[in-house]
Amino acid sequence: TVPHPRMHERAFVLRPLAEICPAASVPG
């Protein structure tokens, strides 16, 4: 499943993702 389920509610994923690409789009 992509985007990974629940990534949108997990700071331990979003904080490092936003560090390297704040504009990375999680579809929907």
PDB file of all heavy atoms in Angstrom:
ATOM      1  N   THR A   1       0.855  -1.180   0.000  1.00  0.00           N
ATOM      2  CA  THR A   1       0.000   0.000   0.000  1.00  0.00           C
ATOM      3  C   THR A   1       0.893   1.232   0.000  1.00  0.00           C
ATOM      4  O   THR A   1       1.754   1.382   0.877  1.00  0.00           O
ATOM      5  CB  THR A   1      -0.923   0.027   1.235  1.00  0.00           C
ATOM      6  OG1 THR A   1      -1.714  -1.170   1.249  1.00  0.00           O
ATOM      7  CG2 THR A   1      -1.832   1.239   1.219  1.00  0.00           C
ATOM      8  N   VAL A   2       0.721   2.081  -1.013  1.00  0.00           N
ATOM      9  CA  VAL A   2       1.472   3.330  -1.139  1.00  0.00           C
ATOM     10  C   VAL A   2       0.466   4.419  -1.488  1.00  0.00           C
ATOM     11  O   VAL A   2      -0.338   4.211  -2.389  1.00  0.00           O
ATOM     12  CB  VAL A   2       2.551   3.227  -2.250  1.00  0.00           C
ATOM     13  CG1 VAL A   2       3.235   4.556  -2.477  1.00  0.00           C
ATOM     14  CG2 VAL A   2       3.577   2.149  -1.903  1.00  0.00           C
ATOM     15  N   PRO A   3       0.476   5.562  -0.787  1.00  0.00           N
ATOM     16  CA  PRO A   3       1.365   5.904   0.305  1.00  0.00           C
ATOM     17  C   PRO A   3       1.157   4.962   1.496  1.00  0.00           C
ATOM     18  O   PRO A   3       0.094   4.362   1.658  1.00  0.00           O
ATOM     19  CB  PRO A   3       0.987   7.338   0.677  1.00  0.00           C
ATOM     20  CG  PRO A   3      -0.262   7.664  -0.040  1.00  0.00           C
ATOM     21  CD  PRO A   3      -0.485   6.622  -1.074  1.00  0.00           C
ATOM     22  N   HIS A   4       2.205   4.871   2.297  1.00  0.00           N
ATOM     23  CA  HIS A   4       2.154   3.963   3.433  1.00  0.00           C
ATOM     24  C   HIS A   4       0.994   4.354   4.345  1.00  0.00           C
ATOM     25  O   HIS A   4       0.833   5.516   4.690  1.00  0.00           O
ATOM     26  CB  HIS A   4       3.477   4.008   4.208  1.00  0.00           C
ATOM     27  CG  HIS A   4       3.586   2.925   5.222  1.00  0.00           C
ATOM     28  ND1 HIS A   4       3.046   3.041   6.480  1.00  0.00           N
ATOM     29  CD2 HIS A   4       4.168   1.707   5.170  1.00  0.00           C
ATOM     30  CE1 HIS A   4       3.280   1.939   7.167  1.00  0.00           C
ATOM     31  NE2 HIS A   4       3.964   1.109   6.380  1.00  0.00           N
ATOM     32  N   PRO A   5       0.166   3.376   4.737  1.00  0.00           N
ATOM     33  CA  PRO A   5      -0.972   3.709   5.597  1.00  0.00           C
ATOM     34  C   PRO A   5      -0.504   4.302   6.922  1.00  0.00           C
ATOM     35  O   PRO A   5       0.508   3.901   7.471  1.00  0.00           O
ATOM     36  CB  PRO A   5      -1.669   2.360   5.828  1.00  0.00           C
ATOM     37  CG  PRO A   5      -0.855   1.323   5.164  1.00  0.00           C
ATOM     38  CD  PRO A   5       0.291   1.956   4.462  1.00  0.00           C
ATOM     39  N   ARG A   6      -1.194   5.238   7.396  1.00  0.00           N
ATOM     40  CA  ARG A   6      -0.962   5.905   8.679  1.00  0.00           C
ATOM     41  C   ARG A   6       0.271   6.806   8.697  1.00  0.00           C
ATOM     42  O   ARG A   6       0.542   7.434   9.706  1.00  0.00           O
ATOM     43  CB  ARG A   6      -0.900   4.890   9.835  1.00  0.00           C
ATOM     44  CG  ARG A   6      -2.186   4.090  10.007  1.00  0.00           C
ATOM     45  CD  ARG A   6      -2.071   2.984  11.022  1.00  0.00           C
ATOM     46  NE  ARG A   6      -0.939   2.089  10.850  1.00  0.00           N
ATOM     47  CZ  ARG A   6      -0.847   1.091   9.961  1.00  0.00           C
ATOM     48  NH1 ARG A   6      -1.834   0.852   9.137  1.00  0.00           N
ATOM     49  NH2 ARG A   6       0.218   0.327   9.894  1.00  0.00           N
ATOM     50  N   MET A   7       1.022   6.912   7.600  1.00  0.00           N
ATOM     51  CA  MET A   7       2.199   7.793   7.641  1.00  0.00           C
ATOM     52  C   MET A   7       1.790   9.231   7.905  1.00  0.00           C
ATOM     53  O   MET A   7       2.532   9.982   8.515  1.00  0.00           O
ATOM     54  CB  MET A   7       3.046   7.683   6.367  1.00  0.00           C
ATOM     55  CG  MET A   7       2.433   8.288   5.129  1.00  0.00           C
ATOM     56  SD  MET A   7       3.540   8.264   3.693  1.00  0.00           S
ATOM     57  CE  MET A   7       4.605   9.650   4.051  1.00  0.00           C
ATOM     58  N   HIS A   8       0.593   9.599   7.460  1.00  0.00           N
ATOM     59  CA  HIS A   8       0.111  10.970   7.602  1.00  0.00           C
ATOM     60  C   HIS A   8      -0.187  11.354   9.056  1.00  0.00           C
ATOM     61  O   HIS A   8      -0.378  12.519   9.355  1.00  0.00           O
ATOM     62  CB  HIS A   8      -1.133  11.185   6.734  1.00  0.00           C
ATOM     63  CG  HIS A   8      -2.282  10.310   7.121  1.00  0.00           C
ATOM     64  ND1 HIS A   8      -2.357   8.987   6.751  1.00  0.00           N
ATOM     65  CD2 HIS A   8      -3.374  10.568   7.872  1.00  0.00           C
ATOM     66  CE1 HIS A   8      -3.466   8.468   7.238  1.00  0.00           C
ATOM     67  NE2 HIS A   8      -4.106   9.410   7.930  1.00  0.00           N
ATOM     68  N   GLU A   9      -0.207  10.363   9.957  1.00  0.00           N
ATOM     69  CA  GLU A   9      -0.478  10.658  11.360  1.00  0.00           C
ATOM     70  C   GLU A   9       0.676  10.267  12.276  1.00  0.00           C
ATOM     71  O   GLU A   9       0.513  10.189  13.489  1.00  0.00           O
ATOM     72  CB  GLU A   9      -1.777   9.961  11.798  1.00  0.00           C
ATOM     73  CG  GLU A   9      -1.760   8.476  11.594  1.00  0.00           C
ATOM     74  CD  GLU A   9      -3.141   7.830  11.718  1.00  0.00           C
ATOM     75  OE1 GLU A   9      -4.148   8.473  11.390  1.00  0.00           O
ATOM     76  OE2 GLU A   9      -3.194   6.655  12.142  1.00  0.00           O
ATOM     77  N   ARG A  10       1.843  10.033  11.702  1.00  0.00           N
ATOM     78  CA  ARG A  10       2.995   9.590  12.485  1.00  0.00           C
ATOM     79  C   ARG A  10       4.137  10.597  12.386  1.00  0.00           C
ATOM     80  O   ARG A  10       4.804  10.697  11.357  1.00  0.00           O
ATOM     81  CB  ARG A  10       3.458   8.212  12.001  1.00  0.00           C
ATOM     82  CG  ARG A  10       2.425   7.147  12.309  1.00  0.00           C
ATOM     83  CD  ARG A  10       2.887   5.795  11.896  1.00  0.00           C
ATOM     84  NE  ARG A  10       2.022   4.777  12.476  1.00  0.00           N
ATOM     85  CZ  ARG A  10       2.086   3.505  12.173  1.00  0.00           C
ATOM     86  NH1 ARG A  10       2.967   3.082  11.287  1.00  0.00           N
ATOM     87  NH2 ARG A  10       1.285   2.643  12.744  1.00  0.00           N
ATOM     88  N   ALA A  11       4.350  11.291  13.480  1.00  0.00           N
ATOM     89  CA  ALA A  11       5.407  12.305  13.509  1.00  0.00           C
ATOM     90  C   ALA A  11       6.785  11.691  13.279  1.00  0.00           C
ATOM     91  O   ALA A  11       7.650  12.328  12.688  1.00  0.00           O
ATOM     92  CB  ALA A  11       5.374  13.066  14.838  1.00  0.00           C
ATOM     93  N   PHE A  12       6.994  10.450  13.699  1.00  0.00           N
ATOM     94  CA  PHE A  12       8.305   9.827  13.513  1.00  0.00           C
ATOM     95  C   PHE A  12       8.608   9.551  12.040  1.00  0.00           C
ATOM     96  O   PHE A  12       9.764   9.315  11.676  1.00  0.00           O
ATOM     97  CB  PHE A  12       8.471   8.559  14.362  1.00  0.00           C
ATOM     98  CG  PHE A  12       7.570   7.409  13.986  1.00  0.00           C
ATOM     99  CD1 PHE A  12       7.925   6.516  12.983  1.00  0.00           C
ATOM    100  CD2 PHE A  12       6.377   7.207  14.659  1.00  0.00           C
ATOM    101  CE1 PHE A  12       7.107   5.450  12.644  1.00  0.00           C
ATOM    102  CE2 PHE A  12       5.545   6.140  14.337  1.00  0.00           C
ATOM    103  CZ  PHE A  12       5.914   5.259  13.327  1.00  0.00           C
ATOM    104  N   VAL A  13       7.600   9.617  11.180  1.00  0.00           N
ATOM    105  CA  VAL A  13       7.790   9.550   9.724  1.00  0.00           C
ATOM    106  C   VAL A  13       7.810  10.957   9.137  1.00  0.00           C
ATOM    107  O   VAL A  13       8.680  11.300   8.339  1.00  0.00           O
ATOM    108  CB  VAL A  13       6.677   8.708   9.052  1.00  0.00           C
ATOM    109  CG1 VAL A  13       6.764   8.807   7.536  1.00  0.00           C
ATOM    110  CG2 VAL A  13       6.733   7.268   9.505  1.00  0.00           C
ATOM    111  N   LEU A  14       6.861  11.772   9.535  1.00  0.00           N
ATOM    112  CA  LEU A  14       6.706  13.099   8.931  1.00  0.00           C
ATOM    113  C   LEU A  14       7.838  14.060   9.269  1.00  0.00           C
ATOM    114  O   LEU A  14       8.241  14.847   8.407  1.00  0.00           O
ATOM    115  CB  LEU A  14       5.362  13.699   9.348  1.00  0.00           C
ATOM    116  CG  LEU A  14       4.145  12.956   8.818  1.00  0.00           C
ATOM    117  CD1 LEU A  14       2.874  13.478   9.478  1.00  0.00           C
ATOM    118  CD2 LEU A  14       4.060  13.069   7.298  1.00  0.00           C
ATOM    119  N   ARG A  15       8.355  14.026  10.492  1.00  0.00           N
ATOM    120  CA  ARG A  15       9.434  14.956  10.843  1.00  0.00           C
ATOM    121  C   ARG A  15      10.677  14.716   9.976  1.00  0.00           C
ATOM    122  O   ARG A  15      11.182  15.654   9.377  1.00  0.00           O
ATOM    123  CB  ARG A  15       9.768  14.900  12.319  1.00  0.00           C
ATOM    124  CG  ARG A  15      10.875  15.923  12.644  1.00  0.00           C
ATOM    125  CD  ARG A  15      10.967  16.286  14.082  1.00  0.00           C
ATOM    126  NE  ARG A  15       9.750  16.981  14.489  1.00  0.00           N
ATOM    127  CZ  ARG A  15       9.295  16.989  15.729  1.00  0.00           C
ATOM    128  NH1 ARG A  15       9.936  16.362  16.679  1.00  0.00           N
ATOM    129  NH2 ARG A  15       8.191  17.640  16.027  1.00  0.00           N
ATOM    130  N   PRO A  16      11.182  13.480   9.858  1.00  0.00           N
ATOM    131  CA  PRO A  16      12.342  13.301   8.972  1.00  0.00           C
ATOM    132  C   PRO A  16      12.012  13.516   7.493  1.00  0.00           C
ATOM    133  O   PRO A  16      12.845  14.022   6.741  1.00  0.00           O
ATOM    134  CB  PRO A  16      12.812  11.871   9.251  1.00  0.00           C
ATOM    135  CG  PRO A  16      11.746  11.214  10.038  1.00  0.00           C
ATOM    136  CD  PRO A  16      10.896  12.273  10.646  1.00  0.00           C
ATOM    137  N   LEU A  17      10.798  13.174   7.066  1.00  0.00           N
ATOM    138  CA  LEU A  17      10.401  13.419   5.676  1.00  0.00           C
ATOM    139  C   LEU A  17      10.367  14.921   5.407  1.00  0.00           C
ATOM    140  O   LEU A  17      10.909  15.383   4.388  1.00  0.00           O
ATOM    141  CB  LEU A  17       9.039  12.785   5.380  1.00  0.00           C
ATOM    142  CG  LEU A  17       8.469  13.017   3.979  1.00  0.00           C
ATOM    143  CD1 LEU A  17       9.401  12.487   2.894  1.00  0.00           C
ATOM    144  CD2 LEU A  17       7.082  12.375   3.870  1.00  0.00           C
ATOM    145  N   ALA A  18       9.772  15.687   6.300  1.00  0.00           N
ATOM    146  CA  ALA A  18       9.702  17.142   6.124  1.00  0.00           C
ATOM    147  C   ALA A  18      11.084  17.781   6.191  1.00  0.00           C
ATOM    148  O   ALA A  18      11.317  18.807   5.560  1.00  0.00           O
ATOM    149  CB  ALA A  18       8.778  17.761   7.173  1.00  0.00           C
ATOM    150  N   GLU A  19      12.013  17.169   6.916  1.00  0.00           N
ATOM    151  CA  GLU A  19      13.383  17.686   6.969  1.00  0.00           C
ATOM    152  C   GLU A  19      14.025  17.648   5.584  1.00  0.00           C
ATOM    153  O   GLU A  19      14.668  18.612   5.170  1.00  0.00           O
ATOM    154  CB  GLU A  19      14.232  16.869   7.945  1.00  0.00           C
ATOM    155  CG  GLU A  19      15.692  17.261   7.956  1.00  0.00           C
ATOM    156  CD  GLU A  19      16.589  16.267   8.663  1.00  0.00           C
ATOM    157  OE1 GLU A  19      16.132  15.577   9.596  1.00  0.00           O
ATOM    158  OE2 GLU A  19      17.766  16.173   8.271  1.00  0.00           O
ATOM    159  N   ILE A  20      13.865  16.540   4.870  1.00  0.00           N
ATOM    160  CA  ILE A  20      14.551  16.419   3.574  1.00  0.00           C
ATOM    161  C   ILE A  20      13.721  16.936   2.410  1.00  0.00           C
ATOM    162  O   ILE A  20      14.277  17.314   1.387  1.00  0.00           O
ATOM    163  CB  ILE A  20      15.057  14.982   3.302  1.00  0.00           C
ATOM    164  CG1 ILE A  20      13.922  13.966   3.271  1.00  0.00           C
ATOM    165  CG2 ILE A  20      16.121  14.590   4.314  1.00  0.00           C
ATOM    166  CD1 ILE A  20      14.356  12.559   2.863  1.00  0.00           C
ATOM    167  N   CYS A  21      12.382  16.959   2.569  1.00  0.00           N
ATOM    168  CA  CYS A  21      11.528  17.464   1.493  1.00  0.00           C
ATOM    169  C   CYS A  21      10.179  17.893   2.056  1.00  0.00           C
ATOM    170  O   CYS A  21       9.210  17.115   2.011  1.00  0.00           O
ATOM    171  CB  CYS A  21      11.350  16.406   0.402  1.00  0.00           C
ATOM    172  SG  CYS A  21      10.487  17.064  -1.043  1.00  0.00           S
ATOM    173  N   PRO A  22      10.091  19.123   2.590  1.00  0.00           N
ATOM    174  CA  PRO A  22       8.830  19.568   3.175  1.00  0.00           C
ATOM    175  C   PRO A  22       7.668  19.549   2.181  1.00  0.00           C
ATOM    176  O   PRO A  22       6.515  19.398   2.578  1.00  0.00           O
ATOM    177  CB  PRO A  22       9.117  20.989   3.656  1.00  0.00           C
ATOM    178  CG  PRO A  22      10.517  21.308   3.287  1.00  0.00           C
ATOM    179  CD  PRO A  22      11.141  20.112   2.665  1.00  0.00           C
ATOM    180  N   ALA A  23       7.971  19.677   0.886  1.00  0.00           N
ATOM    181  CA  ALA A  23       6.924  19.698  -0.138  1.00  0.00           C
ATOM    182  C   ALA A  23       6.558  18.303  -0.635  1.00  0.00           C
ATOM    183  O   ALA A  23       5.708  18.175  -1.522  1.00  0.00           O
ATOM    184  CB  ALA A  23       7.367  20.566  -1.312  1.00  0.00           C
ATOM    185  N   ALA A  24       7.174  17.248  -0.074  1.00  0.00           N
ATOM    186  CA  ALA A  24       6.819  15.890  -0.488  1.00  0.00           C
ATOM    187  C   ALA A  24       5.315  15.709  -0.318  1.00  0.00           C
ATOM    188  O   ALA A  24       4.765  15.971   0.753  1.00  0.00           O
ATOM    189  CB  ALA A  24       7.578  14.858   0.333  1.00  0.00           C
ATOM    190  N   SER A  25       4.663  15.273  -1.376  1.00  0.00           N
ATOM    191  CA  SER A  25       3.206  15.168  -1.375  1.00  0.00           C
ATOM    192  C   SER A  25       2.764  13.749  -1.043  1.00  0.00           C
ATOM    193  O   SER A  25       3.216  12.785  -1.669  1.00  0.00           O
ATOM    194  CB  SER A  25       2.661  15.565  -2.751  1.00  0.00           C
ATOM    195  OG  SER A  25       1.270  15.404  -2.766  1.00  0.00           O
ATOM    196  N   VAL A  26       1.898  13.654  -0.060  1.00  0.00           N
ATOM    197  CA  VAL A  26       1.253  12.389   0.266  1.00  0.00           C
ATOM    198  C   VAL A  26      -0.098  12.431  -0.448  1.00  0.00           C
ATOM    199  O   VAL A  26      -0.989  13.180  -0.034  1.00  0.00           O
ATOM    200  CB  VAL A  26       1.088  12.216   1.791  1.00  0.00           C
ATOM    201  CG1 VAL A  26       0.411  10.889   2.109  1.00  0.00           C
ATOM    202  CG2 VAL A  26       2.437  12.328   2.495  1.00  0.00           C
ATOM    203  N   PRO A  27      -0.242  11.698  -1.554  1.00  0.00           N
ATOM    204  CA  PRO A  27      -1.458  11.799  -2.365  1.00  0.00           C
ATOM    205  C   PRO A  27      -2.737  11.698  -1.533  1.00  0.00           C
ATOM    206  O   PRO A  27      -2.885  10.811  -0.697  1.00  0.00           O
ATOM    207  CB  PRO A  27      -1.329  10.624  -3.341  1.00  0.00           C
ATOM    208  CG  PRO A  27       0.150  10.426  -3.485  1.00  0.00           C
ATOM    209  CD  PRO A  27       0.695  10.706  -2.093  1.00  0.00           C
ATOM    210  N   GLY A  28      -3.607  12.673  -1.762  1.00  0.00           N
ATOM    211  CA  GLY A  28      -4.882  12.696  -1.082  1.00  0.00           C
ATOM    212  C   GLY A  28      -4.842  13.241   0.335  1.00  0.00           C
ATOM    213  O   GLY A  28      -5.880  13.326   1.000  1.00  0.00           O
TER     214      GLY A  28
END
